[in-house]
Protein backbone atom coordinates (compact mmCIF):
# COMPACT_ATOMS: atom_id res chain seq x y z
CA MET A 1 25.63 2.76 7.57
CA GLN A 2 24.15 5.89 9.07
CA PRO A 3 20.52 6.00 10.14
CA LEU A 4 18.14 7.95 7.95
CA SER A 5 17.30 11.47 8.92
CA ARG A 6 13.84 12.10 10.32
CA LYS A 7 12.65 13.70 7.07
CA ALA A 8 13.95 10.82 4.95
CA SER A 9 12.35 8.31 7.30
CA VAL A 10 8.98 10.03 6.95
CA LEU A 11 9.35 10.06 3.17
CA VAL A 12 10.20 6.36 3.11
CA ARG A 13 7.19 5.51 5.29
CA THR A 14 4.90 7.68 3.17
CA GLY A 15 6.20 6.09 -0.02
CA LEU A 16 5.65 2.60 1.33
CA ALA A 17 2.13 3.48 2.48
CA VAL A 18 1.29 4.91 -0.96
CA LEU A 19 2.69 1.79 -2.61
CA LEU A 20 0.65 -0.46 -0.32
CA PHE A 21 -2.56 1.45 -1.00
CA ALA A 22 -1.87 1.40 -4.75
CA VAL A 23 -1.43 -2.39 -4.73
CA LEU A 24 -4.56 -2.84 -2.62
CA GLY A 25 -6.49 -0.48 -4.90
CA VAL A 26 -5.49 -2.38 -8.02
CA GLY A 27 -6.44 -5.64 -6.34
CA PHE A 28 -9.78 -4.20 -5.26
CA LEU A 29 -10.55 -2.98 -8.79
CA GLY A 30 -9.39 -6.29 -10.22
CA TYR A 31 -11.74 -8.16 -7.92
CA PHE A 32 -14.71 -6.38 -9.47
CA SER A 33 -13.68 -6.79 -13.12
CA ALA A 34 -14.96 -10.00 -14.68
CA GLY A 35 -11.74 -10.65 -16.60
CA MET A 36 -9.63 -10.73 -13.44
CA ARG A 37 -11.71 -13.05 -11.28
CA LEU A 38 -9.44 -15.33 -9.31
CA ASN A 39 -9.98 -18.87 -8.18
CA TRP A 40 -9.38 -18.35 -4.45
CA GLU A 41 -9.40 -22.09 -3.73
CA THR A 42 -6.42 -22.60 -6.02
CA ILE A 43 -4.52 -19.69 -4.46
CA ALA A 44 -5.28 -20.99 -0.97
CA SER A 45 -4.05 -24.48 -1.90
CA MET A 46 -0.80 -23.00 -3.27
CA CYS A 47 -0.32 -21.28 0.10
CA GLY A 48 -0.87 -24.53 1.98
CA PHE A 49 -4.41 -23.97 3.24
């Protein structure tokens, strides 16, 4: 498999950064909407904390 060209590598990194910010943005908006409140204790216990 050949390595990606420099331009393709930049596009992949940019795409991943946009995806990350989109997921964080949706989570941030969901945190402030009453219908999407999460029980953080339950999530922490599922992760072993």
